[in-house]
Amino acid sequence: MKLKIVIEPSDEGGYTVYVPSLPGCISEGDTKEEVMANIKEAIELYLDPVEDDLTLSPDHEIVEIAV
């Protein structure tokens, strides 16, 4: 999956990064390398469903697909 991200210099130093297509998915880092690693982790957590939040029927099936 490829997502566009926006990296901006932070007023306090370092960088802020966010994913426009994933509202609220934002991170920070001191370097561009750090901010890239941090946003990758944030995206994974954003997209990973929390099983407690799922209301499933007894005959449910969970399937993963690549997009």
PDB file of N, CA and C in Angstrom:
ATOM      1  N   MET A   1       0.844  -1.161   0.000  1.00  0.00           N
ATOM      2  CA  MET A   1       0.000   0.000   0.000  1.00  0.00           C
ATOM      3  C   MET A   1       0.895   1.230   0.000  1.00  0.00           C
ATOM      4  N   LYS A   2       0.540   2.201  -0.802  1.00  0.00           N
ATOM      5  CA  LYS A   2       1.268   3.459  -0.838  1.00  0.00           C
ATOM      6  C   LYS A   2       0.335   4.573  -0.394  1.00  0.00           C
ATOM      7  N   LEU A   3       0.810   5.396   0.516  1.00  0.00           N
ATOM      8  CA  LEU A   3       0.046   6.535   1.019  1.00  0.00           C
ATOM      9  C   LEU A   3       0.908   7.774   0.907  1.00  0.00           C
ATOM     10  N   LYS A   4       0.291   8.888   0.598  1.00  0.00           N
ATOM     11  CA  LYS A   4       1.013  10.155   0.587  1.00  0.00           C
ATOM     12  C   LYS A   4       1.058  10.702   2.003  1.00  0.00           C
ATOM     13  N   ILE A   5       2.229  11.216   2.376  1.00  0.00           N
ATOM     14  CA  ILE A   5       2.411  11.832   3.679  1.00  0.00           C
ATOM     15  C   ILE A   5       2.904  13.260   3.477  1.00  0.00           C
ATOM     16  N   VAL A   6       2.709  14.084   4.494  1.00  0.00           N
ATOM     17  CA  VAL A   6       3.181  15.465   4.468  1.00  0.00           C
ATOM     18  C   VAL A   6       4.148  15.642   5.629  1.00  0.00           C
ATOM     19  N   ILE A   7       5.373  16.070   5.306  1.00  0.00           N
ATOM     20  CA  ILE A   7       6.394  16.323   6.317  1.00  0.00           C
ATOM     21  C   ILE A   7       6.610  17.830   6.374  1.00  0.00           C
ATOM     22  N   GLU A   8       6.501  18.370   7.588  1.00  0.00           N
ATOM     23  CA  GLU A   8       6.677  19.814   7.782  1.00  0.00           C
ATOM     24  C   GLU A   8       7.696  20.061   8.890  1.00  0.00           C
ATOM     25  N   PRO A   9       8.551  21.075   8.720  1.00  0.00           N
ATOM     26  CA  PRO A   9       9.438  21.440   9.829  1.00  0.00           C
ATOM     27  C   PRO A   9       8.608  21.926  11.011  1.00  0.00           C
ATOM     28  N   SER A  10       8.988  21.521  12.193  1.00  0.00           N
ATOM     29  CA  SER A  10       8.286  21.929  13.411  1.00  0.00           C
ATOM     30  C   SER A  10       8.922  23.200  13.962  1.00  0.00           C
ATOM     31  N   ASP A  11       8.104  24.069  14.527  1.00  0.00           N
ATOM     32  CA  ASP A  11       8.612  25.316  15.112  1.00  0.00           C
ATOM     33  C   ASP A  11       9.609  25.048  16.242  1.00  0.00           C
ATOM     34  N   GLU A  12       9.426  23.949  16.950  1.00  0.00           N
ATOM     35  CA  GLU A  12      10.290  23.598  18.080  1.00  0.00           C
ATOM     36  C   GLU A  12      11.545  22.843  17.637  1.00  0.00           C
ATOM     37  N   GLY A  13      11.673  22.589  16.355  1.00  0.00           N
ATOM     38  CA  GLY A  13      12.764  21.773  15.831  1.00  0.00           C
ATOM     39  C   GLY A  13      12.247  20.410  15.441  1.00  0.00           C
ATOM     40  N   GLY A  14      12.951  19.747  14.585  1.00  0.00           N
ATOM     41  CA  GLY A  14      12.506  18.446  14.093  1.00  0.00           C
ATOM     42  C   GLY A  14      11.400  18.593  13.078  1.00  0.00           C
ATOM     43  N   TYR A  15      10.587  17.555  12.955  1.00  0.00           N
ATOM     44  CA  TYR A  15       9.562  17.506  11.924  1.00  0.00           C
ATOM     45  C   TYR A  15       8.255  16.948  12.465  1.00  0.00           C
ATOM     46  N   THR A  16       7.169  17.371  11.841  1.00  0.00           N
ATOM     47  CA  THR A  16       5.847  16.798  12.056  1.00  0.00           C
ATOM     48  C   THR A  16       5.437  16.161  10.746  1.00  0.00           C
ATOM     49  N   VAL A  17       4.784  15.026  10.830  1.00  0.00           N
ATOM     50  CA  VAL A  17       4.344  14.314   9.626  1.00  0.00           C
ATOM     51  C   VAL A  17       2.924  13.825   9.838  1.00  0.00           C
ATOM     52  N   TYR A  18       2.111  13.883   8.771  1.00  0.00           N
ATOM     53  CA  TYR A  18       0.751  13.360   8.858  1.00  0.00           C
ATOM     54  C   TYR A  18       0.335  12.748   7.528  1.00  0.00           C
ATOM     55  N   VAL A  19      -0.731  11.960   7.587  1.00  0.00           N
ATOM     56  CA  VAL A  19      -1.270  11.263   6.422  1.00  0.00           C
ATOM     57  C   VAL A  19      -2.636  11.873   6.121  1.00  0.00           C
ATOM     58  N   PRO A  20      -2.754  12.669   5.061  1.00  0.00           N
ATOM     59  CA  PRO A  20      -4.035  13.329   4.772  1.00  0.00           C
ATOM     60  C   PRO A  20      -5.213  12.359   4.617  1.00  0.00           C
ATOM     61  N   SER A  21      -4.974  11.176   4.088  1.00  0.00           N
ATOM     62  CA  SER A  21      -6.069  10.227   3.863  1.00  0.00           C
ATOM     63  C   SER A  21      -6.452   9.439   5.113  1.00  0.00           C
ATOM     64  N   LEU A  22      -5.702   9.611   6.210  1.00  0.00           N
ATOM     65  CA  LEU A  22      -5.998   8.933   7.470  1.00  0.00           C
ATOM     66  C   LEU A  22      -6.128   9.998   8.561  1.00  0.00           C
ATOM     67  N   PRO A  23      -7.310  10.568   8.745  1.00  0.00           N
ATOM     68  CA  PRO A  23      -7.493  11.646   9.717  1.00  0.00           C
ATOM     69  C   PRO A  23      -6.978  11.284  11.107  1.00  0.00           C
ATOM     70  N   GLY A  24      -6.169  12.155  11.671  1.00  0.00           N
ATOM     71  CA  GLY A  24      -5.632  11.926  13.001  1.00  0.00           C
ATOM     72  C   GLY A  24      -4.351  11.119  13.035  1.00  0.00           C
ATOM     73  N   CYS A  25      -3.901  10.624  11.896  1.00  0.00           N
ATOM     74  CA  CYS A  25      -2.660   9.842  11.844  1.00  0.00           C
ATOM     75  C   CYS A  25      -1.505  10.829  11.685  1.00  0.00           C
ATOM     76  N   ILE A  26      -0.809  11.099  12.788  1.00  0.00           N
ATOM     77  CA  ILE A  26       0.227  12.125  12.833  1.00  0.00           C
ATOM     78  C   ILE A  26       1.359  11.640  13.711  1.00  0.00           C
ATOM     79  N   SER A  27       2.569  12.117  13.441  1.00  0.00           N
ATOM     80  CA  SER A  27       3.712  11.755  14.271  1.00  0.00           C
ATOM     81  C   SER A  27       4.753  12.868  14.193  1.00  0.00           C
ATOM     82  N   GLU A  28       5.827  12.700  14.948  1.00  0.00           N
ATOM     83  CA  GLU A  28       6.915  13.672  15.000  1.00  0.00           C
ATOM     84  C   GLU A  28       8.242  12.942  15.054  1.00  0.00           C
ATOM     85  N   GLY A  29       9.297  13.678  14.768  1.00  0.00           N
ATOM     86  CA  GLY A  29      10.637  13.128  14.896  1.00  0.00           C
ATOM     87  C   GLY A  29      11.672  14.221  14.766  1.00  0.00           C
ATOM     88  N   ASP A  30      12.872  13.940  15.246  1.00  0.00           N
ATOM     89  CA  ASP A  30      13.956  14.921  15.192  1.00  0.00           C
ATOM     90  C   ASP A  30      14.591  15.001  13.808  1.00  0.00           C
ATOM     91  N   THR A  31      14.597  13.889  13.081  1.00  0.00           N
ATOM     92  CA  THR A  31      15.189  13.849  11.738  1.00  0.00           C
ATOM     93  C   THR A  31      14.158  13.302  10.757  1.00  0.00           C
ATOM     94  N   LYS A  32      14.437  13.473   9.462  1.00  0.00           N
ATOM     95  CA  LYS A  32      13.521  12.921   8.459  1.00  0.00           C
ATOM     96  C   LYS A  32      13.487  11.402   8.537  1.00  0.00           C
ATOM     97  N   GLU A  33      14.621  10.786   8.832  1.00  0.00           N
ATOM     98  CA  GLU A  33      14.660   9.327   8.955  1.00  0.00           C
ATOM     99  C   GLU A  33      13.799   8.867  10.123  1.00  0.00           C
ATOM    100  N   GLU A  34      13.902   9.574  11.238  1.00  0.00           N
ATOM    101  CA  GLU A  34      13.113   9.213  12.419  1.00  0.00           C
ATOM    102  C   GLU A  34      11.623   9.431  12.172  1.00  0.00           C
ATOM    103  N   VAL A  35      11.283  10.542  11.530  1.00  0.00           N
ATOM    104  CA  VAL A  35       9.876  10.834  11.280  1.00  0.00           C
ATOM    105  C   VAL A  35       9.272   9.811  10.312  1.00  0.00           C
ATOM    106  N   MET A  36      10.059   9.323   9.360  1.00  0.00           N
ATOM    107  CA  MET A  36       9.569   8.288   8.429  1.00  0.00           C
ATOM    108  C   MET A  36       9.295   6.988   9.172  1.00  0.00           C
ATOM    109  N   ALA A  37      10.191   6.599  10.053  1.00  0.00           N
ATOM    110  CA  ALA A  37       9.983   5.376  10.834  1.00  0.00           C
ATOM    111  C   ALA A  37       8.773   5.529  11.752  1.00  0.00           C
ATOM    112  N   ASN A  38       8.630   6.703  12.362  1.00  0.00           N
ATOM    113  CA  ASN A  38       7.518   6.928  13.279  1.00  0.00           C
ATOM    114  C   ASN A  38       6.173   6.918  12.566  1.00  0.00           C
ATOM    115  N   ILE A  39       6.092   7.507  11.373  1.00  0.00           N
ATOM    116  CA  ILE A  39       4.803   7.538  10.678  1.00  0.00           C
ATOM    117  C   ILE A  39       4.450   6.153  10.147  1.00  0.00           C
ATOM    118  N   LYS A  40       5.435   5.360   9.778  1.00  0.00           N
ATOM    119  CA  LYS A  40       5.145   3.980   9.359  1.00  0.00           C
ATOM    120  C   LYS A  40       4.495   3.207  10.506  1.00  0.00           C
ATOM    121  N   GLU A  41       5.039   3.370  11.698  1.00  0.00           N
ATOM    122  CA  GLU A  41       4.467   2.701  12.871  1.00  0.00           C
ATOM    123  C   GLU A  41       3.061   3.236  13.160  1.00  0.00           C
ATOM    124  N   ALA A  42       2.883   4.554  13.055  1.00  0.00           N
ATOM    125  CA  ALA A  42       1.572   5.157  13.297  1.00  0.00           C
ATOM    126  C   ALA A  42       0.532   4.653  12.301  1.00  0.00           C
ATOM    127  N   ILE A  43       0.925   4.497  11.037  1.00  0.00           N
ATOM    128  CA  ILE A  43       0.005   3.990  10.011  1.00  0.00           C
ATOM    129  C   ILE A  43      -0.393   2.553  10.329  1.00  0.00           C
ATOM    130  N   GLU A  44       0.576   1.726  10.697  1.00  0.00           N
ATOM    131  CA  GLU A  44       0.281   0.334  11.041  1.00  0.00           C
ATOM    132  C   GLU A  44      -0.709   0.262  12.195  1.00  0.00           C
ATOM    133  N   LEU A  45      -0.486   1.063  13.225  1.00  0.00           N
ATOM    134  CA  LEU A  45      -1.394   1.062  14.369  1.00  0.00           C
ATOM    135  C   LEU A  45      -2.767   1.612  13.999  1.00  0.00           C
ATOM    136  N   TYR A  46      -2.801   2.607  13.151  1.00  0.00           N
ATOM    137  CA  TYR A  46      -4.062   3.211  12.709  1.00  0.00           C
ATOM    138  C   TYR A  46      -4.913   2.194  11.953  1.00  0.00           C
ATOM    139  N   LEU A  47      -4.256   1.416  11.097  1.00  0.00           N
ATOM    140  CA  LEU A  47      -4.984   0.474  10.243  1.00  0.00           C
ATOM    141  C   LEU A  47      -5.252  -0.872  10.903  1.00  0.00           C
ATOM    142  N   ASP A  48      -4.568  -1.172  11.997  1.00  0.00           N
ATOM    143  CA  ASP A  48      -4.740  -2.454  12.677  1.00  0.00           C
ATOM    144  C   ASP A  48      -5.995  -2.400  13.538  1.00  0.00           C
ATOM    145  N   PRO A  49      -7.003  -3.206  13.226  1.00  0.00           N
ATOM    146  CA  PRO A  49      -8.237  -3.153  14.024  1.00  0.00           C
ATOM    147  C   PRO A  49      -8.006  -3.687  15.431  1.00  0.00           C
ATOM    148  N   VAL A  50      -8.647  -3.069  16.374  1.00  0.00           N
ATOM    149  CA  VAL A  50      -8.605  -3.546  17.749  1.00  0.00           C
ATOM    150  C   VAL A  50      -9.741  -4.556  17.903  1.00  0.00           C
ATOM    151  N   GLU A  51      -9.399  -5.786  18.230  1.00  0.00           N
ATOM    152  CA  GLU A  51     -10.402  -6.851  18.260  1.00  0.00           C
ATOM    153  C   GLU A  51     -11.527  -6.560  19.239  1.00  0.00           C
ATOM    154  N   ASP A  52     -11.238  -5.839  20.309  1.00  0.00           N
ATOM    155  CA  ASP A  52     -12.285  -5.500  21.269  1.00  0.00           C
ATOM    156  C   ASP A  52     -13.327  -4.570  20.664  1.00  0.00           C
ATOM    157  N   ASP A  53     -12.942  -3.817  19.636  1.00  0.00           N
ATOM    158  CA  ASP A  53     -13.855  -2.875  18.994  1.00  0.00           C
ATOM    159  C   ASP A  53     -14.761  -3.538  17.963  1.00  0.00           C
ATOM    160  N   LEU A  54     -14.475  -4.767  17.616  1.00  0.00           N
ATOM    161  CA  LEU A  54     -15.246  -5.455  16.583  1.00  0.00           C
ATOM    162  C   LEU A  54     -16.459  -6.147  17.190  1.00  0.00           C
ATOM    163  N   THR A  55     -17.607  -5.957  16.572  1.00  0.00           N
ATOM    164  CA  THR A  55     -18.807  -6.685  16.945  1.00  0.00           C
ATOM    165  C   THR A  55     -19.061  -7.671  15.811  1.00  0.00           C
ATOM    166  N   LEU A  56     -18.848  -8.946  16.089  1.00  0.00           N
ATOM    167  CA  LEU A  56     -18.917  -9.957  15.043  1.00  0.00           C
ATOM    168  C   LEU A  56     -20.038 -10.942  15.316  1.00  0.00           C
ATOM    169  N   SER A  57     -20.606 -11.431  14.232  1.00  0.00           N
ATOM    170  CA  SER A  57     -21.605 -12.482  14.363  1.00  0.00           C
ATOM    171  C   SER A  57     -20.890 -13.802  14.653  1.00  0.00           C
ATOM    172  N   PRO A  58     -21.618 -14.796  15.169  1.00  0.00           N
ATOM    173  CA  PRO A  58     -20.973 -16.076  15.493  1.00  0.00           C
ATOM    174  C   PRO A  58     -20.347 -16.775  14.286  1.00  0.00           C
ATOM    175  N   ASP A  59     -20.851 -16.520  13.093  1.00  0.00           N
ATOM    176  CA  ASP A  59     -20.307 -17.182  11.903  1.00  0.00           C
ATOM    177  C   ASP A  59     -19.408 -16.231  11.104  1.00  0.00           C
ATOM    178  N   HIS A  60     -18.707 -15.349  11.786  1.00  0.00           N
ATOM    179  CA  HIS A  60     -17.856 -14.369  11.117  1.00  0.00           C
ATOM    180  C   HIS A  60     -16.612 -15.008  10.521  1.00  0.00           C
ATOM    181  N   GLU A  61     -16.022 -14.292   9.601  1.00  0.00           N
ATOM    182  CA  GLU A  61     -14.759 -14.701   8.995  1.00  0.00           C
ATOM    183  C   GLU A  61     -13.914 -13.443   8.839  1.00  0.00           C
ATOM    184  N   ILE A  62     -12.662 -13.503   9.269  1.00  0.00           N
ATOM    185  CA  ILE A  62     -11.747 -12.384   9.110  1.00  0.00           C
ATOM    186  C   ILE A  62     -10.758 -12.751   8.014  1.00  0.00           C
ATOM    187  N   VAL A  63     -10.652 -11.874   7.031  1.00  0.00           N
ATOM    188  CA  VAL A  63      -9.780 -12.105   5.889  1.00  0.00           C
ATOM    189  C   VAL A  63      -8.936 -10.858   5.679  1.00  0.00           C
ATOM    190  N   GLU A  64      -7.650 -11.038   5.351  1.00  0.00           N
ATOM    191  CA  GLU A  64      -6.780  -9.903   5.030  1.00  0.00           C
ATOM    192  C   GLU A  64      -6.661  -9.778   3.526  1.00  0.00           C
ATOM    193  N   ILE A  65      -6.678  -8.526   3.041  1.00  0.00           N
ATOM    194  CA  ILE A  65      -6.462  -8.287   1.615  1.00  0.00           C
ATOM    195  C   ILE A  65      -5.417  -7.200   1.457  1.00  0.00           C
ATOM    196  N   ALA A  66      -4.707  -7.217   0.367  1.00  0.00           N
ATOM    197  CA  ALA A  66      -3.740  -6.167   0.049  1.00  0.00           C
ATOM    198  C   ALA A  66      -4.413  -5.143  -0.837  1.00  0.00           C
ATOM    199  N   VAL A  67      -4.154  -3.878  -0.555  1.00  0.00           N
ATOM    200  CA  VAL A  67      -4.708  -2.807  -1.379  1.00  0.00           C
ATOM    201  C   VAL A  67      -3.606  -1.929  -1.912  1.00  0.00           C
TER     202      VAL A  67
END
